[in-house]
Amino acid sequence: MREDGKIDYVEFPSTSVPAVKTFYAAAFGWTFVDYGPDYAAFDGAGLDGGFNGDDAAEGAAKPLVVLYAHDLEAMAARVTAAGGVVVKPIYSFPGGRRFHFTDPSGNELAVWSEG
């Protein structure tokens, strides 16, 4: 069961989703579900996650840790009240909605919710 504020997903930027899928399948036996040409979720890694070609194009060079929230708007308010800075407001994507924020050390994380 998904819980508020718990790490739920990790997303890696990818300059080539097909190449990175080939690597992780061969090296570790991971399998994938494609969500368009620039995104693939992975399975078999011990934690849910995906490879995002769009983020690599934007210059993202770090993995993105994604937390979960049942009430996305309430969690965004909690993050802001605690001193976080929302850097990507709530938006929809296939499978749900999410927002990105930075913590006081400048680490970027995201929070997602289904539907």
C-alpha atoms as a PDB file:
ATOM      1  CA  MET A   1       0.000   0.000   0.000  1.00  0.00           C
ATOM      2  CA  ARG A   2       1.317   3.412  -0.920  1.00  0.00           C
ATOM      3  CA  GLU A   3       1.859   5.858   1.928  1.00  0.00           C
ATOM      4  CA  ASP A   4       2.093   9.642   2.115  1.00  0.00           C
ATOM      5  CA  GLY A   5       5.631  10.971   2.114  1.00  0.00           C
ATOM      6  CA  LYS A   6       7.327   7.611   1.437  1.00  0.00           C
ATOM      7  CA  ILE A   7       9.786   6.992  -1.398  1.00  0.00           C
ATOM      8  CA  ASP A   8       7.724   5.297  -4.095  1.00  0.00           C
ATOM      9  CA  TYR A   9       9.652   5.600  -7.362  1.00  0.00           C
ATOM     10  CA  VAL A  10      12.989   6.665  -8.792  1.00  0.00           C
ATOM     11  CA  GLU A  11      13.427   8.186 -12.230  1.00  0.00           C
ATOM     12  CA  PHE A  12      16.684   8.322 -14.171  1.00  0.00           C
ATOM     13  CA  PRO A  13      17.360  10.774 -17.009  1.00  0.00           C
ATOM     14  CA  SER A  14      18.284   9.038 -20.245  1.00  0.00           C
ATOM     15  CA  THR A  15      19.913  10.322 -23.398  1.00  0.00           C
ATOM     16  CA  SER A  16      18.714   7.158 -25.195  1.00  0.00           C
ATOM     17  CA  VAL A  17      15.845   5.185 -23.726  1.00  0.00           C
ATOM     18  CA  PRO A  18      16.350   2.233 -26.132  1.00  0.00           C
ATOM     19  CA  ALA A  19      20.079   1.998 -25.285  1.00  0.00           C
ATOM     20  CA  VAL A  20      19.555   2.212 -21.532  1.00  0.00           C
ATOM     21  CA  LYS A  21      16.801  -0.438 -21.707  1.00  0.00           C
ATOM     22  CA  THR A  22      19.142  -2.763 -23.603  1.00  0.00           C
ATOM     23  CA  PHE A  23      21.876  -2.232 -21.007  1.00  0.00           C
ATOM     24  CA  TYR A  24      19.724  -2.851 -17.907  1.00  0.00           C
ATOM     25  CA  ALA A  25      17.995  -5.851 -19.490  1.00  0.00           C
ATOM     26  CA  ALA A  26      21.327  -7.458 -20.382  1.00  0.00           C
ATOM     27  CA  ALA A  27      23.152  -6.558 -17.164  1.00  0.00           C
ATOM     28  CA  PHE A  28      20.404  -7.124 -14.585  1.00  0.00           C
ATOM     29  CA  GLY A  29      17.440  -8.792 -16.306  1.00  0.00           C
ATOM     30  CA  TRP A  30      15.084  -5.833 -15.855  1.00  0.00           C
ATOM     31  CA  THR A  31      11.913  -5.657 -17.953  1.00  0.00           C
ATOM     32  CA  PHE A  32      10.115  -2.526 -19.179  1.00  0.00           C
ATOM     33  CA  VAL A  33       6.769  -0.936 -19.993  1.00  0.00           C
ATOM     34  CA  ASP A  34       6.992   1.829 -22.602  1.00  0.00           C
ATOM     35  CA  TYR A  35       4.983   5.026 -22.182  1.00  0.00           C
ATOM     36  CA  GLY A  36       5.855   6.657 -25.483  1.00  0.00           C
ATOM     37  CA  PRO A  37       9.218   6.967 -27.213  1.00  0.00           C
ATOM     38  CA  ASP A  38      10.907   8.911 -24.389  1.00  0.00           C
ATOM     39  CA  TYR A  39       9.764   7.048 -21.278  1.00  0.00           C
ATOM     40  CA  ALA A  40      10.032   3.486 -20.044  1.00  0.00           C
ATOM     41  CA  ALA A  41       9.120   2.211 -16.590  1.00  0.00           C
ATOM     42  CA  PHE A  42      11.277  -0.609 -15.275  1.00  0.00           C
ATOM     43  CA  ASP A  43      10.420  -3.724 -13.316  1.00  0.00           C
ATOM     44  CA  GLY A  44      12.602  -6.187 -11.460  1.00  0.00           C
ATOM     45  CA  ALA A  45      14.899  -3.603  -9.854  1.00  0.00           C
ATOM     46  CA  GLY A  46      13.612  -3.882  -6.281  1.00  0.00           C
ATOM     47  CA  LEU A  47      11.956  -0.446  -6.490  1.00  0.00           C
ATOM     48  CA  ASP A  48       9.586   0.945  -9.107  1.00  0.00           C
ATOM     49  CA  GLY A  49      11.131   3.449 -11.465  1.00  0.00           C
ATOM     50  CA  GLY A  50      11.687   4.596 -15.008  1.00  0.00           C
ATOM     51  CA  PHE A  51      13.950   6.179 -17.588  1.00  0.00           C
ATOM     52  CA  ASN A  52      12.958   9.637 -18.811  1.00  0.00           C
ATOM     53  CA  GLY A  53      14.329  10.857 -22.137  1.00  0.00           C
ATOM     54  CA  ASP A  54      12.524  14.189 -21.766  1.00  0.00           C
ATOM     55  CA  ASP A  55      14.463  15.095 -18.603  1.00  0.00           C
ATOM     56  CA  ALA A  56      17.790  14.277 -20.260  1.00  0.00           C
ATOM     57  CA  ALA A  57      16.908  16.686 -23.059  1.00  0.00           C
ATOM     58  CA  GLU A  58      16.273  19.376 -20.422  1.00  0.00           C
ATOM     59  CA  GLY A  59      19.758  18.849 -19.008  1.00  0.00           C
ATOM     60  CA  ALA A  60      18.803  16.857 -15.912  1.00  0.00           C
ATOM     61  CA  ALA A  61      21.843  14.881 -14.819  1.00  0.00           C
ATOM     62  CA  LYS A  62      20.636  13.294 -11.586  1.00  0.00           C
ATOM     63  CA  PRO A  63      18.151  10.599 -10.654  1.00  0.00           C
ATOM     64  CA  LEU A  64      14.817  11.918  -9.415  1.00  0.00           C
ATOM     65  CA  VAL A  65      13.406  10.440  -6.204  1.00  0.00           C
ATOM     66  CA  VAL A  66       9.603  10.439  -6.268  1.00  0.00           C
ATOM     67  CA  LEU A  67       7.464  10.392  -3.110  1.00  0.00           C
ATOM     68  CA  TYR A  68       3.766   9.535  -2.938  1.00  0.00           C
ATOM     69  CA  ALA A  69       0.784  11.550  -1.651  1.00  0.00           C
ATOM     70  CA  HIS A  70      -2.911  10.688  -1.450  1.00  0.00           C
ATOM     71  CA  ASP A  71      -3.750  14.429  -1.578  1.00  0.00           C
ATOM     72  CA  LEU A  72      -1.295  16.164  -3.887  1.00  0.00           C
ATOM     73  CA  GLU A  73      -2.475  19.716  -3.175  1.00  0.00           C
ATOM     74  CA  ALA A  74      -2.221  19.196   0.595  1.00  0.00           C
ATOM     75  CA  MET A  75       1.277  17.731   0.234  1.00  0.00           C
ATOM     76  CA  ALA A  76       2.395  20.686  -1.913  1.00  0.00           C
ATOM     77  CA  ALA A  77       1.159  23.000   0.842  1.00  0.00           C
ATOM     78  CA  ARG A  78       3.055  20.978   3.482  1.00  0.00           C
ATOM     79  CA  VAL A  79       6.261  21.062   1.407  1.00  0.00           C
ATOM     80  CA  THR A  80       5.998  24.833   0.982  1.00  0.00           C
ATOM     81  CA  ALA A  81       5.168  25.421   4.659  1.00  0.00           C
ATOM     82  CA  ALA A  82       8.236  23.387   5.652  1.00  0.00           C
ATOM     83  CA  GLY A  83      10.520  25.572   3.514  1.00  0.00           C
ATOM     84  CA  GLY A  84      10.599  23.644   0.244  1.00  0.00           C
ATOM     85  CA  VAL A  85      10.283  25.459  -3.073  1.00  0.00           C
ATOM     86  CA  VAL A  86       7.925  24.126  -5.737  1.00  0.00           C
ATOM     87  CA  VAL A  87       9.899  24.272  -9.004  1.00  0.00           C
ATOM     88  CA  LYS A  88       7.342  22.493 -11.242  1.00  0.00           C
ATOM     89  CA  PRO A  89       3.713  23.061 -10.227  1.00  0.00           C
ATOM     90  CA  ILE A  90       1.238  20.175 -10.275  1.00  0.00           C
ATOM     91  CA  TYR A  91       0.824  18.697 -13.746  1.00  0.00           C
ATOM     92  CA  SER A  92      -0.725  15.572 -15.264  1.00  0.00           C
ATOM     93  CA  PHE A  93       1.145  12.697 -16.883  1.00  0.00           C
ATOM     94  CA  PRO A  94       0.039   9.203 -18.022  1.00  0.00           C
ATOM     95  CA  GLY A  95      -0.925   7.485 -14.778  1.00  0.00           C
ATOM     96  CA  GLY A  96      -1.378  10.441 -12.470  1.00  0.00           C
ATOM     97  CA  ARG A  97      -0.271  13.928 -11.459  1.00  0.00           C
ATOM     98  CA  ARG A  98       2.851  15.276  -9.777  1.00  0.00           C
ATOM     99  CA  PHE A  99       4.883  18.308  -8.766  1.00  0.00           C
ATOM    100  CA  HIS A 100       8.614  18.874  -8.239  1.00  0.00           C
ATOM    101  CA  PHE A 101      10.250  20.741  -5.374  1.00  0.00           C
ATOM    102  CA  THR A 102      13.672  21.522  -3.978  1.00  0.00           C
ATOM    103  CA  ASP A 103      14.641  21.028  -0.362  1.00  0.00           C
ATOM    104  CA  PRO A 104      16.789  23.513   1.610  1.00  0.00           C
ATOM    105  CA  SER A 105      19.971  21.863   0.215  1.00  0.00           C
ATOM    106  CA  GLY A 106      18.793  22.242  -3.385  1.00  0.00           C
ATOM    107  CA  ASN A 107      17.943  18.561  -3.965  1.00  0.00           C
ATOM    108  CA  GLU A 108      15.075  18.195  -6.429  1.00  0.00           C
ATOM    109  CA  LEU A 109      12.417  15.603  -5.641  1.00  0.00           C
ATOM    110  CA  ALA A 110       8.908  14.979  -6.917  1.00  0.00           C
ATOM    111  CA  VAL A 111       5.625  13.953  -5.334  1.00  0.00           C
ATOM    112  CA  TRP A 112       3.007  12.040  -7.304  1.00  0.00           C
ATOM    113  CA  SER A 113      -0.576  10.903  -6.877  1.00  0.00           C
ATOM    114  CA  GLU A 114      -2.766   8.573  -8.894  1.00  0.00           C
ATOM    115  CA  GLY A 115      -5.468  10.138 -11.042  1.00  0.00           C
END
